[in-house]
Every structure is written in structure tokens, then in C-alpha cells.
Amino acid sequence: MLKFNNGKFKILIFGDIHECEDYKTSPNFKDMQKLMNAALDEYKPDLCVLMGDNCSTGNIGKDPDGFRKMMEAVTAPIRERKIPAAVILGNHEHDHGFEKEVVEICGSTKGLIMRNDAPEEITGSANFKELIYSADGSTPEFCLWFIDSNNCGEDKEVCHYDFVHSDQIKWFEDESAKLKEMNGGKPMPAFIFQHIPVPEEYQLFRKAKLWELPWATRGFRNKSSNFYMLKKGCKGYLGEGPCSPDINNGQFASWKRVGGILAAFFGHDHLNDFSGFVDGIYLAQHKTSGFRVYTDGCHSMVRCVTIDEKNPEAFTDEIKHFKEFGLKCECLGPIFRNLTDRESRNIHIAADILYAAGGIAAAVIGTKLIKSKGGRKNG
């Protein structure tokens, strides 16, 4: 049972760790564990949340015990301190079709919380919620929702990353109605945790002016014709266009209808750690907490959110990066170890330009080759 502690409840969030099978000898794993240990010691949370894409799942079919041991190793600093950790599914846990195995293994590992509360026919493999009770354990006062945001759309040309489906939204609304009745007819205050962000994150941005383009970030997919800057009042770092679904299936609108949703936290985008309010709901993007995937130097981070029992709307949110803990990185060389956010972003922009230029060149060369081959054939 989760309970308020002296009127507060602290949640420490870890994003997109992407651990691999060679973790026993990897300096990447060591650096991730340094960050985890430092954050746990500093914040002393009541709950941790792993935001999905936590560990490689490709070998579960032939070695489920190997996956269990990897999850145990990743979460050892948390479990050794006897802090519960909720685990959500990312898109990559869906890649190999072992979602149910991931849920079973994580849910049966001591100290980890993962299950599927929704009926079997509902989309997703890990839709669940946890209640935070008063200090004496008598009254549920706050709800934490953990939603499976699935993987890729059925037709990637139409919608590359999937959205939370209508049956999941209905399940959420039905369960929220029960919580409202339990809470004396008022929506129970709540947070949402899921891997893939909602399209409404783009409402935190404004289109960049021409002279701002060197500092701007290009949108993703159906937003790729625009470059964006954070709006005034938003905080953090926009390093890549949020990879939200191309189709808006109404999940955010559902939160507004239900009421009580104070904030939503997302993973998936390894560079972004921005946050801000959209229609009164706080949207916060969490970059990677590891060193296994594309990232920006030593800026891997954690986020600590503190809920006030008497005034939950006044929750606080603090992010802290690897270097800000005074940690020394072993897995990166001297250049990438010392990059600033902006230097990292400029490198990514240059890589995007080179990639685009290469694609254009390949298309042009390919067209010429096709014409040449066609000429020979016709001749």
C-alpha cells in the first residue's frame, strides 16, 4: 500500500533506460547505476517509476530468466532500499511480442509493481492504477494511472506511433467514475504515466521565427514542416520533435472530461525534458536516464515529483541531470562527456541535414540510374 509520509509523497522517475544483455561488464550500465544511486540517496522517494523501454526483450522467448535477472540488476538500487517501483510498457517492450511475459516477470519480481487491471479484451497489456492512501492507510486520496501506450500504428504511413485506443479510454473513464464515487462525488486528483506522449505536447511550443531557426527544433512526422521553440512559461529543454501519434484519438480530451488529472508524464523522446501546462494539465517530458541510446552527452536525468497531501494541486517538480550530481561518466569520451545541451542539439541538427542531403543525393542518383537502365532496355 502506498501512503503519504508526513503529508508528502515523492515519486522519482527514470526514463528509457534501454538496458542490454551485456550489462554485467558494461560501463554504460555502471553510469546508469551511478545516476540511480545518487538520485535515490538525494531524494529518498516513496515510489519510483520506470517509464518504459527499460530492458531489451529480444531474448525473453529463449531465456526468460535472463530477462528477469537483467530487470533485477537494473532495479537493484531501488529494491535494496525497499522502495516500490512501478514499471510501465514502452513501445520496444512490444517489439517482439513478449508483452505478457514482461508483465508476468516484472509483476512477480519482489519490489516491482506491474500488472494489467483492465479486462483481457481491452487494448494493451499493462493498464493499471495505484492509490495513495492517507498516512494511517484508511482513506485513498490520490490516484496514479499507468497506461500502456502500445507500439506502432497498424499503418505506419498513416500513424507511425500508436495512440491509446478508444477501449482503453473508456476503461479509464469507467474506473475514474468509480474513484469519483469513492471520493464523495469529486474527481480524485491523479497523475498519468505513459511512454508515448500525447499530441497536445505541441501546444507547449510556438513556431520559430526565421532568425531563431539555429536554436529551433523540427517537429516530428506530420509536424515536420515546422520548427519550434518552447513558449514562454515552459521550462526545460526541447531537443527533438516529440514523437507523438500522428492521429489524435482524444485521450487528452478524456482527461479534461473526467477531471482531476493534474499532470501527465511521458518517456519515449530521449532528448527532451521540457514541461508546461496545457488547459490546466501539466505535461512533462522525460529524457533517458541511461547511456544506451541516442542522447546528449551526460545529460541523462531523473525527475522528482512531490505531492502535498493537503494541497495536491500544488505539487512540485524537479529535474536533475547526471553531471549536476557531480558524477564522473565512464562510458563517454572527453568530447561527448562535456557537451552542453545546445552543442548536442547542433550536432543532431547537422546530422539531420547530412542525412537529408544523403537521401536527396541517393534519390537523384537512383532516378538517373533508372532512366539509364530504361534507356538501355528500350534500345
Protein backbone atom coordinates (compact mmCIF):
# COMPACT_ATOMS: atom_id res chain seq x y z
CA MET A 1 0.00 0.00 0.00
CA LEU A 2 1.28 3.45 -0.95
CA LYS A 3 0.81 6.08 1.78
CA PHE A 4 1.58 9.73 2.37
CA ASN A 5 4.60 10.26 4.59
CA ASN A 6 4.45 13.31 6.85
CA GLY A 7 1.99 14.90 4.45
CA LYS A 8 4.15 14.37 1.35
CA PHE A 9 4.61 11.69 -1.30
CA LYS A 10 7.72 11.70 -3.50
CA ILE A 11 7.89 10.00 -6.91
CA LEU A 12 11.27 9.54 -8.60
CA ILE A 13 11.06 8.94 -12.36
CA PHE A 14 13.56 7.11 -14.57
CA GLY A 15 13.12 7.25 -18.36
CA ASP A 16 14.10 4.93 -21.23
CA ILE A 17 16.97 3.00 -19.69
CA HIS A 18 17.18 0.53 -22.61
CA GLU A 19 19.48 -1.86 -20.76
CA CYS A 20 21.11 -4.68 -22.75
CA GLU A 21 22.30 -8.25 -22.11
CA ASP A 22 25.95 -7.23 -21.63
CA TYR A 23 25.08 -5.17 -18.53
CA LYS A 24 27.44 -7.15 -16.26
CA THR A 25 30.53 -5.73 -17.98
CA SER A 26 29.20 -2.51 -19.49
CA PRO A 27 30.40 0.97 -18.42
CA ASN A 28 27.03 2.27 -19.72
CA PHE A 29 25.27 0.19 -17.08
CA LYS A 30 27.69 1.43 -14.40
CA ASP A 31 26.98 5.07 -15.26
CA MET A 32 23.22 4.49 -15.22
CA GLN A 33 23.53 2.88 -11.79
CA LYS A 34 25.61 5.83 -10.54
CA LEU A 35 22.78 8.16 -11.52
CA MET A 36 20.16 5.93 -9.94
CA ASN A 37 22.05 5.57 -6.65
CA ALA A 38 22.81 9.29 -6.40
CA ALA A 39 19.18 10.22 -7.09
CA LEU A 40 17.79 7.70 -4.62
CA ASP A 41 20.15 8.95 -1.89
CA GLU A 42 19.30 12.59 -2.51
CA TYR A 43 15.52 12.42 -2.96
CA LYS A 44 14.59 9.40 -0.79
CA PRO A 45 11.37 8.77 -2.76
CA ASP A 46 8.28 6.88 -1.66
CA LEU A 47 7.86 5.40 -5.15
CA CYS A 48 9.93 5.08 -8.31
CA VAL A 49 8.53 4.85 -11.83
CA LEU A 50 10.31 3.29 -14.81
CA MET A 51 8.85 4.93 -17.90
CA GLY A 52 9.16 2.04 -20.39
CA ASP A 53 11.81 0.78 -22.83
CA ASN A 54 13.52 -0.46 -19.70
CA CYS A 55 15.39 -3.60 -20.82
CA SER A 56 15.95 -5.45 -24.07
CA THR A 57 13.22 -8.07 -24.61
CA GLY A 58 14.55 -9.87 -27.69
CA ASN A 59 15.78 -12.94 -25.79
CA ILE A 60 12.80 -13.49 -23.49
CA GLY A 61 11.46 -16.32 -25.64
CA LYS A 62 14.56 -18.48 -25.17
CA ASP A 63 15.86 -17.03 -21.90
CA PRO A 64 13.12 -15.57 -19.68
CA ASP A 65 15.30 -15.98 -16.59
CA GLY A 66 17.98 -13.84 -18.25
CA PHE A 67 15.45 -11.03 -18.68
CA ARG A 68 14.38 -11.38 -15.04
CA LYS A 69 17.98 -11.11 -13.87
CA MET A 70 18.54 -8.05 -16.04
CA MET A 71 15.46 -6.32 -14.57
CA GLU A 72 16.62 -7.30 -11.09
CA ALA A 73 20.05 -5.80 -11.77
CA VAL A 74 18.62 -2.57 -13.20
CA THR A 75 16.28 -2.06 -10.25
CA ALA A 76 18.63 -3.39 -7.53
CA PRO A 77 19.42 0.09 -6.09
CA ILE A 78 15.69 0.75 -5.71
CA ARG A 79 14.76 -2.63 -4.28
CA GLU A 80 17.73 -2.73 -1.90
CA ARG A 81 16.34 0.43 -0.30
CA LYS A 82 12.91 -1.24 -0.11
CA ILE A 83 11.31 1.44 -2.30
CA PRO A 84 8.50 0.16 -4.55
CA ALA A 85 8.90 0.73 -8.28
CA ALA A 86 6.06 0.87 -10.81
CA VAL A 87 7.04 -0.32 -14.29
CA ILE A 88 5.23 0.67 -17.49
CA LEU A 89 5.49 -0.72 -21.00
CA GLY A 90 7.31 1.27 -23.67
CA ASN A 91 6.96 0.76 -27.39
CA HIS A 92 10.03 -1.51 -27.54
CA GLU A 93 8.60 -3.94 -24.98
CA HIS A 94 6.03 -4.62 -27.71
CA ASP A 95 8.59 -5.24 -30.47
CA HIS A 96 9.00 -9.00 -30.07
CA GLY A 97 5.52 -9.98 -28.91
CA PHE A 98 6.53 -10.83 -25.33
CA GLU A 99 4.43 -8.16 -23.57
CA LYS A 100 2.61 -10.65 -21.34
CA GLU A 101 5.91 -12.27 -20.36
CA VAL A 102 7.36 -8.86 -19.44
CA VAL A 103 4.32 -8.09 -17.29
CA GLU A 104 4.45 -11.50 -15.58
CA ILE A 105 8.19 -11.32 -14.88
CA CYS A 106 8.16 -7.73 -13.62
CA GLY A 107 4.94 -8.22 -11.66
CA SER A 108 6.38 -11.25 -9.86
CA THR A 109 9.72 -9.61 -9.04
CA LYS A 110 9.85 -8.51 -5.44
CA GLY A 111 9.58 -4.73 -5.12
CA LEU A 112 8.23 -4.12 -8.65
CA ILE A 113 4.65 -3.17 -9.49
CA MET A 114 3.32 -4.16 -12.91
CA ARG A 115 0.07 -5.82 -13.92
CA ASN A 116 -2.96 -5.45 -16.14
CA ASP A 117 -6.10 -4.27 -14.32
CA ALA A 118 -8.14 -3.93 -17.50
CA PRO A 119 -10.18 -6.84 -18.94
CA GLU A 120 -8.28 -9.09 -21.35
CA GLU A 121 -10.14 -7.75 -24.39
CA ILE A 122 -9.01 -4.15 -23.72
CA THR A 123 -6.08 -2.97 -25.86
CA GLY A 124 -2.70 -3.06 -24.13
CA SER A 125 -1.02 -5.45 -21.73
CA ALA A 126 -0.35 -3.21 -18.70
CA ASN A 127 -3.11 -0.73 -17.91
CA PHE A 128 -3.28 -0.31 -14.14
CA LYS A 129 -3.58 2.17 -11.31
CA GLU A 130 -2.26 2.59 -7.77
CA LEU A 131 -3.91 4.59 -5.00
CA ILE A 132 -2.03 6.67 -2.46
CA TYR A 133 -3.65 6.48 0.96
CA SER A 134 -3.60 8.72 3.99
CA ALA A 135 -0.75 8.13 6.44
CA ASP A 136 -2.88 5.78 8.54
CA GLY A 137 -3.91 3.79 5.48
CA SER A 138 -7.62 4.41 5.95
CA THR A 139 -8.51 6.71 3.04
CA PRO A 140 -7.50 6.71 -0.65
CA GLU A 141 -6.57 10.30 -1.52
CA PHE A 142 -4.70 10.25 -4.84
CA CYS A 143 -4.54 8.04 -7.95
CA LEU A 144 -1.57 7.14 -10.13
CA TRP A 145 -2.52 5.82 -13.58
CA PHE A 146 -0.11 3.69 -15.62
CA ILE A 147 -1.25 3.38 -19.23
CA ASP A 148 0.09 1.12 -21.99
CA SER A 149 0.57 3.45 -24.98
CA ASN A 150 1.26 0.48 -27.30
CA ASN A 151 3.82 0.46 -30.13
CA CYS A 152 3.40 1.45 -33.78
CA GLY A 153 0.23 2.10 -35.72
CA GLU A 154 -1.32 -0.56 -37.95
CA ASP A 155 -0.35 1.51 -40.99
CA LYS A 156 2.87 3.41 -40.28
CA GLU A 157 2.30 5.64 -43.29
CA VAL A 158 -0.86 6.95 -41.62
CA CYS A 159 0.26 6.86 -37.96
CA HIS A 160 3.81 5.83 -37.15
CA TYR A 161 3.46 5.53 -33.38
CA ASP A 162 0.24 4.16 -31.96
CA PHE A 163 -2.21 6.03 -29.77
CA VAL A 164 -4.08 4.98 -26.65
CA HIS A 165 -7.12 3.21 -28.07
CA SER A 166 -10.78 4.06 -27.55
CA ASP A 167 -11.44 0.96 -25.43
CA GLN A 168 -8.56 1.95 -23.12
CA ILE A 169 -10.02 5.46 -22.82
CA LYS A 170 -13.45 4.04 -21.94
CA TRP A 171 -11.89 1.74 -19.33
CA PHE A 172 -10.08 4.74 -17.83
CA GLU A 173 -13.28 6.79 -17.75
CA ASP A 174 -15.29 3.96 -16.17
CA GLU A 175 -12.65 3.41 -13.47
CA SER A 176 -12.41 7.16 -12.88
CA ALA A 177 -16.17 7.28 -12.30
CA LYS A 178 -15.77 4.65 -9.56
CA LEU A 179 -13.00 6.71 -7.96
CA LYS A 180 -15.19 9.81 -8.11
CA GLU A 181 -17.95 7.99 -6.23
CA MET A 182 -15.40 6.75 -3.70
CA ASN A 183 -14.17 10.35 -3.30
CA GLY A 184 -17.53 11.80 -2.30
CA GLY A 185 -18.60 12.82 -5.80
CA LYS A 186 -15.43 14.78 -6.61
CA PRO A 187 -12.86 13.64 -9.19
CA MET A 188 -9.95 12.07 -7.36
CA PRO A 189 -6.73 14.02 -8.02
CA ALA A 190 -4.45 11.97 -10.23
CA PHE A 191 -1.31 11.71 -12.33
CA ILE A 192 -0.90 9.82 -15.61
CA PHE A 193 2.28 7.92 -16.52
CA GLN A 194 2.74 6.53 -20.04
CA HIS A 195 5.52 6.07 -22.55
CA ILE A 196 4.39 7.75 -25.79
CA PRO A 197 3.38 11.42 -25.36
CA VAL A 198 0.04 12.89 -26.40
CA PRO A 199 -0.05 15.24 -29.45
CA GLU A 200 -1.09 18.11 -27.15
CA GLU A 201 2.56 18.48 -26.13
CA TYR A 202 2.96 20.57 -29.29
CA GLN A 203 0.73 23.20 -27.66
CA LEU A 204 3.68 23.94 -25.38
CA PHE A 205 5.61 25.25 -28.41
CA ARG A 206 5.45 28.17 -30.80
CA LYS A 207 6.70 28.24 -34.35
CA ALA A 208 10.22 29.61 -34.59
CA LYS A 209 10.88 32.88 -36.33
CA LEU A 210 13.30 32.86 -39.22
CA TRP A 211 16.24 34.18 -37.20
CA GLU A 212 15.57 31.62 -34.44
CA LEU A 213 16.00 28.57 -36.69
CA PRO A 214 19.54 27.80 -35.47
CA TRP A 215 18.08 27.30 -31.97
CA ALA A 216 14.79 25.72 -33.03
CA THR A 217 13.71 22.08 -33.23
CA ARG A 218 11.95 20.45 -36.14
CA GLY A 219 8.64 18.72 -35.50
CA PHE A 220 8.06 15.00 -35.97
CA ARG A 221 6.23 13.45 -38.94
CA ASN A 222 3.08 15.48 -39.62
CA LYS A 223 4.68 18.44 -37.79
CA SER A 224 7.98 18.18 -39.67
CA SER A 225 7.33 21.20 -41.90
CA ASN A 226 7.61 23.46 -38.84
CA PHE A 227 10.42 24.36 -36.44
CA TYR A 228 9.53 25.04 -32.81
CA MET A 229 10.64 26.85 -29.67
CA LEU A 230 9.25 26.45 -26.16
CA LYS A 231 6.57 29.00 -25.28
CA LYS A 232 7.18 31.48 -22.51
CA GLY A 233 6.34 29.90 -19.17
CA CYS A 234 7.50 26.42 -20.19
CA LYS A 235 10.73 25.10 -18.73
CA GLY A 236 13.36 22.54 -19.66
CA TYR A 237 14.91 21.53 -22.95
CA LEU A 238 13.35 20.82 -26.35
CA GLY A 239 15.92 18.73 -28.18
CA GLU A 240 13.75 16.84 -30.68
CA GLY A 241 10.21 17.00 -32.02
CA PRO A 242 8.05 14.90 -29.67
CA CYS A 243 7.32 11.54 -31.29
CA SER A 244 3.62 11.54 -30.53
CA PRO A 245 0.97 9.77 -32.66
CA ASP A 246 0.03 11.34 -35.99
CA ILE A 247 -3.63 10.71 -35.09
CA ASN A 248 -5.20 12.35 -32.04
CA ASN A 249 -7.55 9.74 -30.59
CA GLY A 250 -8.94 12.00 -27.85
CA GLN A 251 -7.04 10.80 -24.80
CA PHE A 252 -6.21 14.30 -23.56
CA ALA A 253 -9.83 15.40 -24.14
CA SER A 254 -10.89 12.44 -21.99
CA TRP A 255 -8.67 13.66 -19.15
CA LYS A 256 -10.40 17.02 -19.29
CA ARG A 257 -13.86 15.41 -19.28
CA VAL A 258 -13.08 13.18 -16.32
CA GLY A 259 -11.42 15.91 -14.28
CA GLY A 260 -8.87 15.56 -11.53
CA ILE A 261 -5.90 14.87 -13.82
CA LEU A 262 -3.24 17.25 -12.57
CA ALA A 263 -0.27 16.07 -14.63
CA ALA A 264 0.93 13.54 -17.18
CA PHE A 265 4.49 12.27 -17.53
CA PHE A 266 5.98 10.70 -20.65
CA GLY A 267 9.14 8.94 -21.84
CA HIS A 268 9.98 7.88 -25.42
CA ASP A 269 11.90 11.02 -26.51
CA HIS A 270 15.46 10.63 -25.29
CA LEU A 271 16.50 14.29 -25.59
CA ASN A 272 13.50 16.19 -24.19
CA ASP A 273 12.97 17.25 -20.58
CA PHE A 274 10.56 20.19 -21.08
CA SER A 275 7.33 20.74 -19.16
CA GLY A 276 4.40 23.13 -19.04
CA PHE A 277 0.63 23.46 -18.71
CA VAL A 278 -1.96 22.80 -21.42
CA ASP A 279 -5.55 23.60 -20.41
CA GLY A 280 -4.59 23.31 -16.75
CA ILE A 281 -2.88 19.91 -17.07
CA TYR A 282 0.88 19.75 -16.54
CA LEU A 283 2.65 17.82 -19.33
CA ALA A 284 6.22 16.74 -18.59
CA GLN A 285 8.60 15.01 -20.95
CA HIS A 286 11.33 12.79 -19.54
CA LYS A 287 14.57 12.11 -21.39
CA THR A 288 16.59 8.94 -20.94
CA SER A 289 18.09 8.06 -17.56
CA GLY A 290 20.58 5.72 -19.20
CA PHE A 291 23.50 5.72 -21.62
CA ARG A 292 22.43 3.02 -24.07
CA VAL A 293 20.55 5.02 -26.68
CA TYR A 294 20.79 8.27 -28.60
CA THR A 295 21.15 11.02 -26.03
CA ASP A 296 23.05 14.23 -25.44
CA GLY A 297 26.23 13.59 -23.56
CA CYS A 298 25.99 13.45 -19.79
CA HIS A 299 22.50 14.97 -19.64
CA SER A 300 20.74 11.73 -18.69
CA MET A 301 18.36 12.71 -15.91
CA VAL A 302 15.83 11.93 -13.22
CA ARG A 303 12.68 13.78 -12.19
CA CYS A 304 11.32 14.02 -8.65
CA VAL A 305 7.67 14.99 -8.20
CA THR A 306 6.38 15.75 -4.70
CA ILE A 307 2.65 15.65 -3.91
CA ASP A 308 1.32 17.65 -0.97
CA GLU A 309 -1.42 15.69 0.82
CA LYS A 310 -3.36 18.80 1.86
CA ASN A 311 -2.94 20.64 -1.43
CA PRO A 312 -2.24 18.15 -4.26
CA GLU A 313 -2.67 20.82 -6.95
CA ALA A 314 0.48 22.47 -5.57
CA PHE A 315 2.75 19.52 -6.43
CA THR A 316 6.39 20.34 -7.15
CA ASP A 317 8.61 19.01 -9.92
CA GLU A 318 12.43 18.99 -10.01
CA ILE A 319 14.75 17.55 -12.64
CA LYS A 320 18.43 16.84 -12.17
CA HIS A 321 20.99 15.68 -14.72
CA PHE A 322 23.90 13.28 -14.35
CA LYS A 323 26.58 15.98 -14.20
CA GLU A 324 24.59 18.02 -11.68
CA PHE A 325 25.06 15.21 -9.17
CA GLY A 326 28.83 15.66 -9.54
CA LEU A 327 29.20 12.22 -11.14
CA LYS A 328 32.01 11.18 -13.46
CA CYS A 329 31.00 9.45 -16.67
CA GLU A 330 32.99 6.38 -17.72
CA CYS A 331 31.20 5.33 -20.91
CA LEU A 332 31.59 8.56 -22.92
CA GLY A 333 34.75 10.09 -24.37
CA PRO A 334 36.03 13.57 -23.43
CA ILE A 335 34.06 15.38 -26.18
CA PHE A 336 30.59 13.93 -25.60
CA ARG A 337 31.18 13.91 -21.85
CA ASN A 338 31.42 17.71 -21.86
CA LEU A 339 28.75 18.72 -24.37
CA THR A 340 26.17 21.31 -23.41
CA ASP A 341 22.52 20.76 -24.39
CA ARG A 342 22.79 23.29 -27.21
CA GLU A 343 26.03 21.85 -28.57
CA SER A 344 24.40 18.45 -28.57
CA ARG A 345 21.35 19.83 -30.37
CA ASN A 346 23.55 21.46 -33.03
CA ILE A 347 25.24 18.13 -33.65
CA HIS A 348 21.84 16.49 -34.10
CA ILE A 349 20.76 19.26 -36.49
CA ALA A 350 23.94 18.80 -38.54
CA ALA A 351 23.33 15.03 -38.61
CA ASP A 352 19.74 15.61 -39.80
CA ILE A 353 20.98 17.91 -42.58
CA LEU A 354 23.62 15.40 -43.70
CA TYR A 355 21.07 12.59 -43.59
CA ALA A 356 18.57 14.61 -45.64
CA ALA A 357 21.27 15.61 -48.10
CA GLY A 358 22.31 11.98 -48.47
CA GLY A 359 18.70 10.98 -49.10
CA ILE A 360 18.28 13.63 -51.78
CA ALA A 361 21.54 12.59 -53.43
CA ALA A 362 20.51 8.93 -53.35
CA ALA A 363 17.13 9.80 -54.86
CA VAL A 364 18.74 11.83 -57.65
CA ILE A 365 21.34 9.16 -58.42
CA GLY A 366 18.66 6.47 -58.26
CA THR A 367 16.48 8.38 -60.73
CA LYS A 368 19.39 8.74 -63.15
CA LEU A 369 20.17 5.03 -62.88
CA ILE A 370 16.55 4.12 -63.53
CA LYS A 371 16.46 6.37 -66.59
CA SER A 372 19.74 4.92 -67.81
CA LYS A 373 18.55 1.34 -67.33
CA GLY A 374 15.27 2.20 -69.02
CA GLY A 375 17.10 3.66 -72.00
CA ARG A 376 19.18 0.55 -72.44
CA LYS A 377 16.14 -1.65 -72.18
CA ASN A 378 14.21 0.35 -74.74
CA GLY A 379 17.20 0.42 -77.01
